[in-house]
């Protein structure tokens, strides 16, 4: 199978490529970076095509060598969740690119969404819940999914919409909590400032996320919306404490230094029943 991965040099993308390389598939990787800027050891094992998906092309499907499947990870501007460019630029850009690919022959489409599509709903979040996005990024992603579902009424193609929950790992945005903790440890800070840490979230290492994305993409039994998550909650405080224990560090946690965010509920995690059927557990 010939698989195209957009956003291949991003945080998730490089892990997805590494996971795909374990399979016997032809891989086409795309990002906006030039080949000289791509410093990954898998570059000589795949076909890399640099392109800005905002360009106007009559046939993106032909340009990308007519792949059998697209894993669409590309999305710019994160983690700025409330910037208008998500709906003014990213939403139309991504929809028109995907529509062009589908119209010209693409039959299998895999797109990563976000748990933020569920909005302020608490507890275990199942895929059949109504979406209630309350930030601009989530609104744009949810709208893209709805646009693609409507497009399925006009053109026949398979759509897998993977809702990603929280993740961590090498290459993560430095503003995320564990990279901030790593920076504090590197500076040998005696105290780490954080929120109260009692909020419950659903975390997976990014390598496991990539493994699940590939397993979801390559199976044909379940399509539509699929949560990609651990399926169990952990407090942010416990996540940090476990991380410190793993690194054998005793940094003091200054709990309550930052207020809890007002754009997400105190306790939510994913229902991973669909994912379990896919991965066979």
Protein backbone atom coordinates (compact mmCIF):
# COMPACT_ATOMS: atom_id res chain seq x y z
CA UNK A 1 0.00 0.00 0.00
CA UNK A 2 1.16 3.51 -0.79
CA UNK A 3 0.56 5.79 2.23
CA UNK A 4 0.85 9.58 2.25
CA UNK A 5 1.50 11.29 5.59
CA UNK A 6 1.05 15.05 5.76
CA UNK A 7 2.55 16.99 8.66
CA UNK A 8 5.25 14.30 8.69
CA UNK A 9 7.88 16.41 10.47
CA UNK A 10 5.62 17.50 13.33
CA UNK A 11 5.56 16.15 16.88
CA UNK A 12 3.28 13.22 16.03
CA UNK A 13 4.29 12.88 12.40
CA UNK A 14 7.85 11.69 12.94
CA UNK A 15 6.59 8.92 15.26
CA UNK A 16 3.91 7.92 12.74
CA UNK A 17 6.56 7.60 10.02
CA UNK A 18 8.72 5.45 12.30
CA UNK A 19 5.73 3.21 13.05
CA UNK A 20 4.83 2.92 9.36
CA UNK A 21 8.38 1.90 8.54
CA UNK A 22 7.76 -1.27 10.58
CA UNK A 23 5.12 -2.19 7.98
CA UNK A 24 5.75 -3.15 4.35
CA UNK A 25 4.28 -0.06 2.74
CA UNK A 26 5.51 2.64 0.40
CA UNK A 27 5.63 5.88 2.38
CA UNK A 28 5.26 9.36 0.95
CA UNK A 29 5.90 12.06 3.55
CA UNK A 30 4.98 15.71 3.23
CA UNK A 31 5.59 18.87 5.18
CA UNK A 32 6.28 22.51 4.46
CA UNK A 33 9.98 22.08 5.31
CA UNK A 34 12.63 21.73 2.63
CA UNK A 35 14.51 18.43 2.50
CA UNK A 36 17.60 20.14 3.95
CA UNK A 37 15.57 21.08 7.05
CA UNK A 38 14.38 17.52 7.70
CA UNK A 39 16.90 15.97 10.08
CA UNK A 40 15.31 12.55 10.65
CA UNK A 41 17.11 9.27 10.13
CA UNK A 42 14.18 7.88 8.13
CA UNK A 43 14.47 10.45 5.32
CA UNK A 44 16.36 8.12 2.97
CA UNK A 45 13.81 5.34 3.53
CA UNK A 46 10.75 7.24 2.34
CA UNK A 47 9.74 9.49 -0.55
CA UNK A 48 9.70 13.03 0.82
CA UNK A 49 7.75 15.74 -1.02
CA UNK A 50 7.98 19.30 0.27
CA UNK A 51 4.85 21.35 -0.41
CA UNK A 52 2.66 24.00 1.17
CA UNK A 53 -0.88 22.61 1.14
CA UNK A 54 -2.17 26.17 0.82
CA UNK A 55 -0.91 26.28 -2.76
CA UNK A 56 -3.46 26.06 -5.56
CA UNK A 57 -3.15 22.83 -7.52
CA UNK A 58 -5.60 21.25 -9.91
CA UNK A 59 -4.77 17.71 -8.80
CA UNK A 60 -3.07 17.12 -5.43
CA UNK A 61 -3.76 13.40 -5.73
CA UNK A 62 -1.57 13.15 -8.84
CA UNK A 63 1.05 15.47 -7.31
CA UNK A 64 1.42 13.07 -4.36
CA UNK A 65 1.80 10.02 -6.65
CA UNK A 66 -1.78 8.72 -6.22
CA UNK A 67 -1.57 7.22 -2.70
CA UNK A 68 -3.92 4.47 -1.56
CA UNK A 69 -4.34 6.16 1.82
CA UNK A 70 -3.80 9.58 3.37
CA UNK A 71 -2.95 10.07 7.05
CA UNK A 72 -3.58 13.78 7.45
CA UNK A 73 -1.74 15.19 10.47
CA UNK A 74 -1.00 18.65 9.08
CA UNK A 75 -2.39 21.61 11.03
CA UNK A 76 -0.57 24.84 11.74
CA UNK A 77 -0.49 27.22 14.68
CA UNK A 78 -0.71 24.97 17.73
CA UNK A 79 -0.89 25.27 20.72
CA UNK A 80 -2.61 28.64 20.16
CA UNK A 81 -6.11 27.23 20.58
CA UNK A 82 -8.10 30.45 20.41
CA UNK A 83 -6.61 32.19 17.38
CA UNK A 84 -9.00 33.02 14.55
CA UNK A 85 -6.62 31.67 11.89
CA UNK A 86 -7.87 28.16 12.74
CA UNK A 87 -11.24 28.95 11.18
CA UNK A 88 -10.17 31.69 8.78
CA UNK A 89 -7.16 29.91 7.24
CA UNK A 90 -6.67 26.35 8.50
CA UNK A 91 -10.26 25.16 8.11
CA UNK A 92 -10.80 26.17 4.46
CA UNK A 93 -7.22 25.25 3.53
CA UNK A 94 -7.49 21.74 4.93
CA UNK A 95 -10.97 21.12 3.57
CA UNK A 96 -10.09 22.24 0.05
CA UNK A 97 -6.93 20.12 0.08
CA UNK A 98 -8.80 17.02 1.27
CA UNK A 99 -11.67 17.59 -1.15
CA UNK A 100 -9.20 17.94 -4.01
CA UNK A 101 -7.49 14.67 -3.04
CA UNK A 102 -10.81 12.84 -2.73
CA UNK A 103 -12.32 14.27 -5.89
CA UNK A 104 -9.28 13.16 -7.88
CA UNK A 105 -9.29 9.58 -6.63
CA UNK A 106 -8.30 9.16 -2.96
CA UNK A 107 -10.45 6.48 -1.30
CA UNK A 108 -9.05 6.12 2.25
CA UNK A 109 -8.80 9.23 4.45
CA UNK A 110 -7.51 9.31 8.03
CA UNK A 111 -7.58 12.66 9.85
CA UNK A 112 -6.54 13.50 13.41
CA UNK A 113 -9.05 15.47 15.46
CA UNK A 114 -8.97 16.50 19.11
CA UNK A 115 -10.64 15.63 22.39
CA UNK A 116 -11.42 19.36 22.66
CA UNK A 117 -14.26 18.70 20.19
CA UNK A 118 -16.21 17.38 23.22
CA UNK A 119 -15.98 20.80 24.88
CA UNK A 120 -16.78 21.11 28.59
CA UNK A 121 -18.35 17.66 28.95
CA UNK A 122 -16.99 15.69 31.91
CA UNK A 123 -16.34 12.05 32.71
CA UNK A 124 -15.73 9.29 30.15
CA UNK A 125 -16.28 10.70 26.65
CA UNK A 126 -17.73 8.34 24.05
CA UNK A 127 -17.58 9.00 20.31
CA UNK A 128 -21.36 9.24 19.92
CA UNK A 129 -21.63 12.24 22.24
CA UNK A 130 -22.67 15.51 20.61
CA UNK A 131 -19.66 17.72 19.98
CA UNK A 132 -19.61 21.03 21.86
CA UNK A 133 -16.27 22.70 21.03
CA UNK A 134 -15.52 25.78 23.11
CA UNK A 135 -12.24 26.93 21.61
CA UNK A 136 -11.54 28.07 18.05
CA UNK A 137 -9.15 25.23 17.24
CA UNK A 138 -11.68 22.59 18.30
CA UNK A 139 -14.46 24.40 16.41
CA UNK A 140 -12.35 24.34 13.24
CA UNK A 141 -11.51 20.65 13.62
CA UNK A 142 -15.11 19.70 14.35
CA UNK A 143 -16.29 21.73 11.36
CA UNK A 144 -13.76 20.00 9.11
CA UNK A 145 -15.09 16.62 10.20
CA UNK A 146 -18.67 17.69 9.49
CA UNK A 147 -17.67 19.04 6.08
CA UNK A 148 -16.07 15.70 5.22
CA UNK A 149 -19.13 13.76 6.38
CA UNK A 150 -21.24 15.92 4.06
CA UNK A 151 -18.76 15.32 1.25
CA UNK A 152 -19.29 11.57 1.73
CA UNK A 153 -22.87 12.15 0.57
CA UNK A 154 -21.47 13.30 -2.79
CA UNK A 155 -18.33 11.17 -3.21
CA UNK A 156 -17.70 7.65 -1.89
CA UNK A 157 -14.65 7.42 0.37
CA UNK A 158 -13.74 5.93 3.74
CA UNK A 159 -13.16 8.38 6.61
CA UNK A 160 -11.52 7.61 9.93
CA UNK A 161 -11.52 10.59 12.29
CA UNK A 162 -9.09 9.95 15.16
CA UNK A 163 -9.76 12.07 18.26
CA UNK A 164 -6.45 12.50 20.05
CA UNK A 165 -6.34 13.00 23.80
CA UNK A 166 -3.29 14.11 25.79
CA UNK A 167 0.20 12.90 24.94
CA UNK A 168 3.79 13.40 25.94
CA UNK A 169 7.23 12.58 24.59
CA UNK A 170 10.42 13.86 23.03
CA UNK A 171 9.79 16.74 20.66
CA UNK A 172 6.69 17.99 22.47
CA UNK A 173 5.92 21.70 22.61
CA UNK A 174 8.04 23.27 25.38
CA UNK A 175 4.95 24.90 26.88
CA UNK A 176 3.47 21.52 27.85
CA UNK A 177 3.80 20.53 31.50
CA UNK A 178 6.42 17.77 31.24
CA UNK A 179 8.78 19.76 28.99
CA UNK A 180 8.43 22.63 31.49
CA UNK A 181 9.32 20.19 34.27
CA UNK A 182 12.33 18.96 32.27
CA UNK A 183 13.49 22.56 31.84
CA UNK A 184 13.16 23.16 35.60
CA UNK A 185 15.13 19.99 36.33
CA UNK A 186 17.83 21.02 33.89
CA UNK A 187 18.17 24.36 35.70
CA UNK A 188 18.23 22.45 38.99
CA UNK A 189 15.27 24.41 40.33
CA UNK A 190 14.31 23.28 43.81
CA UNK A 191 10.64 24.11 43.29
CA UNK A 192 8.31 23.48 40.32
CA UNK A 193 5.30 25.77 40.04
CA UNK A 194 2.08 24.19 38.79
CA UNK A 195 -1.68 24.14 39.29
CA UNK A 196 -3.31 22.17 42.09
CA UNK A 197 -2.89 19.14 39.85
CA UNK A 198 -6.19 17.48 40.74
CA UNK A 199 -7.63 17.72 37.23
CA UNK A 200 -8.13 14.29 35.65
CA UNK A 201 -6.88 13.73 32.11
CA UNK A 202 -6.18 10.91 29.65
CA UNK A 203 -2.48 10.60 28.76
CA UNK A 204 -0.46 8.33 26.47
CA UNK A 205 3.16 8.50 25.31
CA UNK A 206 3.35 9.82 21.75
CA UNK A 207 4.96 6.61 20.51
CA UNK A 208 1.89 4.65 21.64
CA UNK A 209 -0.36 7.27 20.00
CA UNK A 210 1.50 6.74 16.72
CA UNK A 211 1.16 2.96 17.04
CA UNK A 212 -2.60 3.30 17.53
CA UNK A 213 -2.95 5.75 14.64
CA UNK A 214 -1.37 3.21 12.29
CA UNK A 215 -3.47 0.32 13.61
CA UNK A 216 -6.64 2.41 13.19
CA UNK A 217 -5.62 3.51 9.70
CA UNK A 218 -4.74 0.07 8.34
CA UNK A 219 -7.86 -1.80 9.50
CA UNK A 220 -11.16 -1.88 7.59
CA UNK A 221 -13.67 -2.90 10.27
CA UNK A 222 -14.30 0.41 12.07
CA UNK A 223 -14.55 3.86 10.49
CA UNK A 224 -15.95 7.21 11.57
CA UNK A 225 -14.92 8.83 14.85
CA UNK A 226 -12.47 6.83 17.00
CA UNK A 227 -11.02 7.98 20.32
CA UNK A 228 -7.25 7.49 20.57
CA UNK A 229 -6.64 7.37 24.30
CA UNK A 230 -5.70 5.31 27.34
CA UNK A 231 -9.32 5.04 28.46
CA UNK A 232 -8.49 5.76 32.10
CA UNK A 233 -7.98 9.01 34.01
CA UNK A 234 -4.87 10.16 35.82
CA UNK A 235 -4.45 13.39 37.78
CA UNK A 236 -1.94 15.87 36.45
CA UNK A 237 -0.27 15.80 39.85
CA UNK A 238 0.14 12.02 39.68
CA UNK A 239 1.50 12.31 36.14
CA UNK A 240 4.17 14.74 37.36
CA UNK A 241 4.97 12.66 40.45
CA UNK A 242 5.36 9.50 38.35
CA UNK A 243 7.65 11.36 35.98
CA UNK A 244 9.83 12.60 38.82
CA UNK A 245 9.99 9.12 40.33
CA UNK A 246 11.04 7.66 36.98
CA UNK A 247 13.84 10.22 36.77
CA UNK A 248 14.73 9.73 40.44
CA UNK A 249 14.24 13.43 41.21
CA UNK A 250 12.82 15.03 44.37
CA UNK A 251 11.82 18.50 43.16
CA UNK A 252 9.21 20.13 45.41
CA UNK A 253 5.86 20.75 43.73
CA UNK A 254 4.41 24.20 44.41
CA UNK A 255 0.78 23.14 43.98
CA UNK A 256 -1.82 25.81 43.33
CA UNK A 257 0.63 28.37 41.95
CA UNK A 258 -1.33 28.53 38.69
CA UNK A 259 -5.15 28.58 38.48
CA UNK A 260 -6.98 25.74 36.79
CA UNK A 261 -7.72 26.48 33.11
CA UNK A 262 -11.23 27.70 32.43
CA UNK A 263 -11.44 26.25 28.90
CA UNK A 264 -11.64 22.58 29.90
CA UNK A 265 -13.50 20.58 32.58
CA UNK A 266 -11.81 19.31 35.73
CA UNK A 267 -12.27 15.64 34.87
CA UNK A 268 -12.52 13.99 31.47
CA UNK A 269 -11.03 11.02 29.67
CA UNK A 270 -11.80 8.95 26.61
CA UNK A 271 -13.94 5.86 26.22
CA UNK A 272 -11.64 3.56 24.23
CA UNK A 273 -14.07 0.72 23.49
CA UNK A 274 -13.73 1.17 19.71
CA UNK A 275 -9.95 1.35 19.95
CA UNK A 276 -9.84 -1.87 21.97
CA UNK A 277 -11.78 -3.69 19.24
CA UNK A 278 -9.29 -2.43 16.68
CA UNK A 279 -6.14 -3.38 18.57
CA UNK A 280 -7.65 -6.64 19.85
CA UNK A 281 -7.77 -6.22 23.62
